């Protein structure tokens, strides 16, 4: 009996060929992914309840993770808790509570808000107070490579190059460093843009032993150490609010790269647009806040989530009460569309394509509402709007 006809180009590789994996575009560039994809998002300093600006960063990071998983890529996500911080220490002291206990209470309420907003729990939730030894190791590595120096119980990271790498003038960087407590006017430092990896503790501060005396970590060093400890020497996505781009993310990245010699530390940055109220950035320090818990008294978590997502992820915007009402109506339209008979493959593909194209949620939602059926049901699942 004659065997099967073999044509040019036939063979095992041709007969069993599968489609190429879908590629996510993120921050304007393709991001081909191996497995698992590694995501680090800067978490909370647990001294107050969750406001809409914080929630926006965590919801968008959750969407990054879900879209990656939609393509078949496993993810590992670390979301830290900055529970060694002078702001937290002061807030706990004002309430006559140990800072660890006070932080855990605030973290509990944060977790409740995240669950209501359908944010999937992180793979790792490193706490700064559990990673002090990693900060000591980071400081030692930076000293060994000449990227840091010791002075009067401090270890300072040499950061003169960091503002320029972040695209800032010295004046812009000085203003932001001062705003975030990096003290560019400190006379102990060789350069105004050197920052503390390790610092001595005062009588009211938490303290741990170190080769440089009792002290505590610097803010940027905490995140660098926790990211390295949980995800290794590089990440696929470094996420957080746009206000963290400088100084926090800039120094976190610079320290990690200097310590391990791998660059870039982050393949992509997801800097989620600032949420404003009456034209000013929401911030705990000013009390200019809309609390997630307040919104959840009158709206579903899915409606609040859709309000945060129905816009470009990197665009700043102003919260208005009618925005939540609009989101609730749009969510109802999406549910109604999902209850109709199945849509064609083209509509389903169009929804996926929009999500893969820099997380274009507005286009995906409107496509799903118009097409209905499978397209709408897929989007509801992909964005966790059920």
Protein backbone atom coordinates (compact mmCIF):
# COMPACT_ATOMS: atom_id res chain seq x y z
CA UNK A 1 0.00 0.00 0.00
CA UNK A 2 1.30 3.39 -0.93
CA UNK A 3 2.15 5.69 1.93
CA UNK A 4 0.67 9.17 2.40
CA UNK A 5 1.55 11.82 -0.10
CA UNK A 6 4.20 14.14 1.27
CA UNK A 7 4.33 17.67 -0.10
CA UNK A 8 7.25 20.05 0.03
CA UNK A 9 7.46 21.61 3.46
CA UNK A 10 5.49 18.80 5.11
CA UNK A 11 6.91 17.10 8.14
CA UNK A 12 6.32 16.95 11.88
CA UNK A 13 7.09 20.63 12.43
CA UNK A 14 4.56 21.63 9.75
CA UNK A 15 1.79 19.17 10.55
CA UNK A 16 1.85 19.99 14.27
CA UNK A 17 2.47 23.70 14.02
CA UNK A 18 0.37 25.82 16.40
CA UNK A 19 -0.45 29.47 16.37
CA UNK A 20 2.15 31.88 17.69
CA UNK A 21 1.43 33.07 21.25
CA UNK A 22 -0.45 36.33 21.58
CA UNK A 23 1.78 39.28 22.39
CA UNK A 24 0.83 42.01 24.82
CA UNK A 25 1.75 45.58 23.98
CA UNK A 26 2.45 47.50 27.15
CA UNK A 27 3.63 51.08 27.58
CA UNK A 28 3.59 51.40 23.80
CA UNK A 29 5.94 48.48 23.07
CA UNK A 30 5.51 44.73 22.52
CA UNK A 31 6.27 42.70 25.63
CA UNK A 32 6.95 39.08 24.61
CA UNK A 33 6.63 36.92 27.71
CA UNK A 34 8.29 33.76 28.92
CA UNK A 35 6.86 32.03 31.98
CA UNK A 36 6.27 32.99 34.60
CA UNK A 37 5.82 36.71 34.03
CA UNK A 38 7.11 38.66 37.04
CA UNK A 39 5.23 41.73 38.27
CA UNK A 40 6.17 43.97 41.19
CA UNK A 41 3.72 46.63 42.36
CA UNK A 42 4.54 49.07 45.12
CA UNK A 43 1.98 48.49 47.84
CA UNK A 44 0.70 50.47 50.78
CA UNK A 45 2.17 52.17 53.80
CA UNK A 46 -0.51 50.93 56.21
CA UNK A 47 -1.35 53.97 58.27
CA UNK A 48 -4.78 54.82 56.84
CA UNK A 49 -7.61 53.34 54.79
CA UNK A 50 -7.61 52.93 51.01
CA UNK A 51 -8.38 55.88 48.77
CA UNK A 52 -9.32 55.86 45.10
CA UNK A 53 -5.85 56.86 43.92
CA UNK A 54 -4.24 53.83 45.55
CA UNK A 55 -7.04 51.56 44.36
CA UNK A 56 -6.54 52.66 40.77
CA UNK A 57 -2.92 51.46 40.73
CA UNK A 58 -3.80 48.07 42.22
CA UNK A 59 -6.82 47.49 39.97
CA UNK A 60 -4.82 48.30 36.84
CA UNK A 61 -1.98 46.02 37.97
CA UNK A 62 -4.57 43.29 38.47
CA UNK A 63 -5.72 43.81 34.87
CA UNK A 64 -2.13 43.53 33.61
CA UNK A 65 -1.90 40.21 35.40
CA UNK A 66 -5.27 38.95 34.13
CA UNK A 67 -4.54 39.89 30.52
CA UNK A 68 -1.21 38.08 30.72
CA UNK A 69 -2.99 35.02 32.05
CA UNK A 70 -5.61 35.35 29.31
CA UNK A 71 -2.80 34.64 26.84
CA UNK A 72 -1.81 31.49 28.72
CA UNK A 73 1.15 32.99 30.63
CA UNK A 74 1.50 32.21 34.32
CA UNK A 75 2.29 35.19 36.54
CA UNK A 76 4.07 35.82 39.80
CA UNK A 77 3.10 39.08 41.48
CA UNK A 78 4.69 40.70 44.52
CA UNK A 79 2.88 43.55 46.27
CA UNK A 80 4.79 44.84 49.25
CA UNK A 81 3.68 46.37 52.52
CA UNK A 82 5.88 49.25 53.67
CA UNK A 83 5.47 48.70 57.40
CA UNK A 84 8.80 50.30 58.29
CA UNK A 85 8.24 53.98 57.59
CA UNK A 86 8.47 57.14 59.66
CA UNK A 87 4.93 58.18 58.70
CA UNK A 88 3.54 54.89 59.99
CA UNK A 89 5.61 55.14 63.17
CA UNK A 90 4.24 58.63 63.90
CA UNK A 91 0.64 57.63 63.12
CA UNK A 92 0.87 54.62 65.45
CA UNK A 93 2.44 56.72 68.23
CA UNK A 94 -0.38 59.27 67.98
CA UNK A 95 -2.82 56.43 68.68
CA UNK A 96 -0.64 54.85 71.39
CA UNK A 97 -0.33 51.59 69.44
CA UNK A 98 2.73 49.55 68.49
CA UNK A 99 3.51 50.26 64.86
CA UNK A 100 3.36 46.56 63.92
CA UNK A 101 -0.11 46.14 65.42
CA UNK A 102 -1.42 49.38 63.97
CA UNK A 103 -0.08 48.50 60.53
CA UNK A 104 -1.71 45.07 60.57
CA UNK A 105 -5.11 46.58 61.41
CA UNK A 106 -4.87 49.02 58.51
CA UNK A 107 -3.66 46.24 56.22
CA UNK A 108 -6.76 44.20 57.13
CA UNK A 109 -9.06 47.00 55.96
CA UNK A 110 -7.01 47.43 52.80
CA UNK A 111 -7.39 43.72 52.01
CA UNK A 112 -11.15 44.02 52.45
CA UNK A 113 -11.26 46.87 49.94
CA UNK A 114 -9.14 44.93 47.45
CA UNK A 115 -11.40 41.88 47.73
CA UNK A 116 -14.46 44.06 47.08
CA UNK A 117 -12.78 45.45 43.96
CA UNK A 118 -12.03 41.90 42.68
CA UNK A 119 -8.26 42.38 42.95
CA UNK A 120 -6.70 38.93 43.06
CA UNK A 121 -4.35 38.40 46.04
CA UNK A 122 -0.64 38.68 45.23
CA UNK A 123 1.61 35.66 45.02
CA UNK A 124 3.94 37.33 47.51
CA UNK A 125 3.12 40.05 50.03
CA UNK A 126 6.53 40.94 51.49
CA UNK A 127 6.54 43.16 54.57
CA UNK A 128 9.45 45.52 55.05
CA UNK A 129 9.99 44.51 58.68
CA UNK A 130 10.50 40.91 57.59
CA UNK A 131 13.11 41.88 54.99
CA UNK A 132 15.48 44.05 57.00
CA UNK A 133 18.23 41.43 56.59
CA UNK A 134 17.77 41.70 52.82
CA UNK A 135 18.24 45.46 53.02
CA UNK A 136 21.46 44.91 55.01
CA UNK A 137 22.65 42.55 52.27
CA UNK A 138 21.66 45.07 49.61
CA UNK A 139 23.61 47.80 51.40
CA UNK A 140 26.64 45.52 51.68
CA UNK A 141 26.46 44.71 47.97
CA UNK A 142 26.23 48.38 47.04
CA UNK A 143 29.22 49.18 49.25
CA UNK A 144 31.19 46.34 47.68
CA UNK A 145 30.55 47.63 44.15
CA UNK A 146 31.35 51.24 45.08
CA UNK A 147 27.75 52.31 44.46
CA UNK A 148 27.33 53.37 48.09
CA UNK A 149 29.38 54.77 50.97
CA UNK A 150 29.14 54.69 54.77
CA UNK A 151 29.03 57.81 56.90
CA UNK A 152 28.04 58.34 60.53
CA UNK A 153 25.97 55.16 60.72
CA UNK A 154 24.33 55.77 57.35
CA UNK A 155 24.82 53.93 54.09
CA UNK A 156 24.17 56.31 51.21
CA UNK A 157 23.53 55.20 47.63
CA UNK A 158 25.39 57.29 45.05
CA UNK A 159 22.48 58.80 43.14
CA UNK A 160 23.89 61.77 41.23
CA UNK A 161 23.01 60.06 37.95
CA UNK A 162 19.43 59.13 38.88
CA UNK A 163 17.60 62.39 38.06
CA UNK A 164 19.12 62.53 34.59
CA UNK A 165 18.25 58.88 33.95
CA UNK A 166 14.67 59.76 34.93
CA UNK A 167 14.61 62.67 32.47
CA UNK A 168 14.49 65.37 35.14
CA UNK A 169 16.39 68.60 35.63
CA UNK A 170 18.21 69.12 38.91
CA UNK A 171 15.57 71.64 39.95
CA UNK A 172 12.71 69.23 39.25
CA UNK A 173 14.47 66.40 41.04
CA UNK A 174 15.29 68.57 44.07
CA UNK A 175 11.64 69.57 44.44
CA UNK A 176 10.38 65.99 44.22
CA UNK A 177 13.11 64.62 46.50
CA UNK A 178 12.20 67.21 49.12
CA UNK A 179 8.48 66.49 48.77
CA UNK A 180 9.04 62.77 49.40
CA UNK A 181 11.40 63.21 52.34
CA UNK A 182 14.71 62.34 50.69
CA UNK A 183 16.43 65.41 52.22
CA UNK A 184 18.65 66.63 49.37
CA UNK A 185 19.88 69.39 51.71
CA UNK A 186 21.47 66.88 54.13
CA UNK A 187 25.12 67.97 54.58
CA UNK A 188 26.25 64.39 55.32
CA UNK A 189 25.80 63.40 51.68
CA UNK A 190 28.40 63.72 48.95
CA UNK A 191 25.69 64.72 46.48
CA UNK A 192 22.17 66.10 47.04
CA UNK A 193 20.73 63.12 45.15
CA UNK A 194 22.40 60.44 47.23
CA UNK A 195 19.76 58.60 49.29
CA UNK A 196 19.76 56.47 52.41
CA UNK A 197 19.94 52.71 52.03
CA UNK A 198 20.42 52.41 55.79
CA UNK A 199 19.95 55.09 58.46
CA UNK A 200 20.45 55.32 62.24
CA UNK A 201 17.30 55.16 64.37
CA UNK A 202 16.28 57.66 67.00
CA UNK A 203 14.72 56.72 70.35
CA UNK A 204 11.20 56.62 68.90
CA UNK A 205 12.11 54.72 65.73
CA UNK A 206 12.16 50.95 65.22
CA UNK A 207 15.72 49.65 65.03
CA UNK A 208 17.62 46.55 63.96
CA UNK A 209 21.31 45.65 64.30
CA UNK A 210 23.58 46.16 61.32
CA UNK A 211 27.31 46.41 60.57
CA UNK A 212 26.88 50.22 60.71
CA UNK A 213 25.06 50.34 64.04
CA UNK A 214 21.39 50.10 65.04
CA UNK A 215 19.08 51.54 62.44
CA UNK A 216 16.38 50.98 59.86
CA UNK A 217 16.11 50.80 56.07
CA UNK A 218 15.54 53.66 53.68
CA UNK A 219 12.26 53.64 51.75
CA UNK A 220 13.63 53.02 48.26
CA UNK A 221 16.00 50.33 49.53
CA UNK A 222 13.11 48.44 51.11
CA UNK A 223 11.35 48.00 47.77
CA UNK A 224 14.57 47.15 45.94
CA UNK A 225 15.39 44.46 48.52
CA UNK A 226 11.86 43.03 48.61
CA UNK A 227 11.65 42.86 44.82
CA UNK A 228 15.02 41.09 44.59
CA UNK A 229 14.08 38.71 47.40
CA UNK A 230 10.73 37.67 45.90
CA UNK A 231 11.23 37.94 42.12
CA UNK A 232 14.98 37.82 41.49
CA UNK A 233 17.28 40.16 39.62
CA UNK A 234 14.78 41.52 37.08
CA UNK A 235 11.04 41.91 36.57
CA UNK A 236 8.82 42.07 33.51
CA UNK A 237 6.63 44.86 34.91
CA UNK A 238 7.23 47.40 37.66
CA UNK A 239 3.89 49.00 38.53
CA UNK A 240 2.54 51.74 40.75
CA UNK A 241 1.07 55.20 40.65
CA UNK A 242 2.61 57.78 38.34
CA UNK A 243 3.64 59.79 41.40
CA UNK A 244 6.10 57.01 42.31
CA UNK A 245 8.14 57.40 39.11
CA UNK A 246 10.58 59.74 40.89
CA UNK A 247 12.12 59.42 43.33
CA UNK A 248 10.85 55.99 44.39
CA UNK A 249 10.91 53.81 41.28
CA UNK A 250 13.96 55.61 39.89
CA UNK A 251 16.04 54.79 42.98
CA UNK A 252 14.56 51.31 43.44
CA UNK A 253 15.63 50.44 39.88
CA UNK A 254 19.05 52.10 40.20
CA UNK A 255 19.86 50.26 43.45
CA UNK A 256 18.75 46.88 42.11
CA UNK A 257 20.77 47.30 38.91
CA UNK A 258 23.87 48.46 40.78
CA UNK A 259 23.66 45.58 43.25
CA UNK A 260 23.13 42.68 40.85
CA UNK A 261 24.53 44.04 37.58
CA UNK A 262 21.40 43.26 35.56
CA UNK A 263 19.85 45.98 33.40
CA UNK A 264 17.16 46.88 32.84
CA UNK A 265 15.72 45.79 36.16
CA UNK A 266 12.21 46.39 34.80
CA UNK A 267 11.35 45.58 31.18
CA UNK A 268 8.25 47.79 31.34
CA UNK A 269 6.88 50.40 33.72
CA UNK A 270 3.16 50.72 34.37
CA UNK A 271 2.75 54.14 35.94
CA UNK A 272 -0.97 54.49 36.50
CA UNK A 273 -2.44 57.94 35.98
CA UNK A 274 -3.05 60.11 39.02
CA UNK A 275 -6.58 60.37 40.39
CA UNK A 276 -7.44 63.94 41.37
CA UNK A 277 -10.19 65.54 43.42
CA UNK A 278 -11.09 69.15 42.67
CA UNK A 279 -7.96 69.39 40.52
CA UNK A 280 -5.52 68.21 43.22
CA UNK A 281 -3.86 64.80 43.55
CA UNK A 282 -5.44 62.53 46.12
CA UNK A 283 -3.01 62.08 49.00
CA UNK A 284 -3.27 60.89 52.58
CA UNK A 285 -0.90 63.66 53.67
CA UNK A 286 -3.40 66.34 52.61
CA UNK A 287 -6.66 64.52 53.35
CA UNK A 288 -7.78 65.17 49.78
CA UNK A 289 -9.37 61.73 49.49
CA UNK A 290 -12.26 59.68 48.21
CA UNK A 291 -12.29 56.45 50.21
CA UNK A 292 -13.09 53.17 48.53
CA UNK A 293 -15.10 52.06 51.56
CA UNK A 294 -17.36 55.12 51.20
CA UNK A 295 -18.03 54.38 47.52
CA UNK A 296 -18.84 50.75 48.30
CA UNK A 297 -21.71 51.85 50.52
CA UNK A 298 -23.70 52.94 47.47
CA UNK A 299 -22.14 51.08 44.53
CA UNK A 300 -20.93 47.58 43.75
CA UNK A 301 -17.25 46.74 43.68
CA UNK A 302 -17.60 45.90 39.98
CA UNK A 303 -18.98 49.39 39.25
CA UNK A 304 -16.12 51.08 41.11
CA UNK A 305 -13.66 48.83 39.28
CA UNK A 306 -15.14 49.67 35.87
CA UNK A 307 -15.03 53.39 36.69
CA UNK A 308 -11.29 53.08 37.32
CA UNK A 309 -10.73 51.06 34.14
CA UNK A 310 -12.86 52.90 31.59
CA UNK A 311 -10.02 55.19 30.52
CA UNK A 312 -6.38 54.95 29.36
CA UNK A 313 -4.36 53.49 32.21
CA UNK A 314 -1.66 56.16 32.16
CA UNK A 315 -3.92 59.23 31.97
CA UNK A 316 -4.57 61.43 35.00
CA UNK A 317 -8.23 62.17 35.68
CA UNK A 318 -10.58 63.95 38.08
CA UNK A 319 -13.07 61.97 40.12
CA UNK A 320 -16.68 63.14 39.96
CA UNK A 321 -19.66 61.37 41.58
CA UNK A 322 -21.40 61.16 38.20
CA UNK A 323 -18.45 59.10 36.88
CA UNK A 324 -19.46 56.29 39.23
CA UNK A 325 -23.07 56.57 38.11
CA UNK A 326 -21.96 56.38 34.47
CA UNK A 327 -19.87 53.30 35.25
CA UNK A 328 -22.83 51.58 36.94
CA UNK A 329 -24.99 52.19 33.87
CA UNK A 330 -22.26 50.94 31.53
CA UNK A 331 -21.79 47.84 33.67
CA UNK A 332 -25.52 47.10 33.40
CA UNK A 333 -25.30 47.45 29.60
CA UNK A 334 -22.42 45.00 29.58
CA UNK A 335 -24.39 42.50 31.69
CA UNK A 336 -27.39 42.79 29.38
CA UNK A 337 -25.13 42.28 26.36
CA UNK A 338 -23.64 39.22 28.00
CA UNK A 339 -27.07 37.69 28.31
CA UNK A 340 -27.70 37.72 24.56
CA UNK A 341 -26.91 34.85 22.15
CA UNK A 342 -23.31 34.25 21.11
CA UNK A 343 -21.37 36.79 19.09
CA UNK A 344 -19.14 35.87 16.18
CA UNK A 345 -15.50 34.96 16.44
CA UNK A 346 -14.53 38.32 14.96
CA UNK A 347 -16.09 40.22 17.88
CA UNK A 348 -14.44 37.95 20.44
CA UNK A 349 -11.09 38.46 18.70
CA UNK A 350 -11.64 42.23 18.61
CA UNK A 351 -12.17 42.34 22.38
CA UNK A 352 -8.98 40.34 23.00
CA UNK A 353 -7.05 42.50 20.55
CA UNK A 354 -8.11 45.68 22.36
CA UNK A 355 -6.99 44.32 25.74
CA UNK A 356 -3.67 43.20 24.28
CA UNK A 357 -3.13 46.62 22.70
CA UNK A 358 -1.89 48.50 25.77
CA UNK A 359 -4.90 47.49 27.88
CA UNK A 360 -7.41 49.46 25.79
CA UNK A 361 -10.35 48.78 28.08
CA UNK A 362 -12.68 51.51 26.67
CA UNK A 363 -12.49 50.00 23.17
CA UNK A 364 -12.92 46.49 24.52
CA UNK A 365 -15.98 47.46 26.57
CA UNK A 366 -17.74 49.26 23.74
CA UNK A 367 -16.99 46.45 21.31
CA UNK A 368 -18.39 43.92 23.80
CA UNK A 369 -21.54 45.96 24.48
CA UNK A 370 -22.24 46.34 20.77
CA UNK A 371 -21.51 42.70 19.87
CA UNK A 372 -22.94 41.06 22.99
CA UNK A 373 -22.88 37.34 23.59
CA UNK A 374 -19.52 35.61 23.84
CA UNK A 375 -17.63 38.88 23.37
CA UNK A 376 -19.34 40.48 26.36
CA UNK A 377 -19.03 37.36 28.51
CA UNK A 378 -15.33 37.07 27.72
CA UNK A 379 -14.72 40.68 28.73
CA UNK A 380 -16.67 40.33 31.98
CA UNK A 381 -14.45 37.37 32.87
CA UNK A 382 -11.21 38.98 31.69
CA UNK A 383 -11.78 42.19 33.67
CA UNK A 384 -13.31 40.42 36.71
CA UNK A 385 -16.53 42.45 36.46
CA UNK A 386 -18.83 39.61 37.53
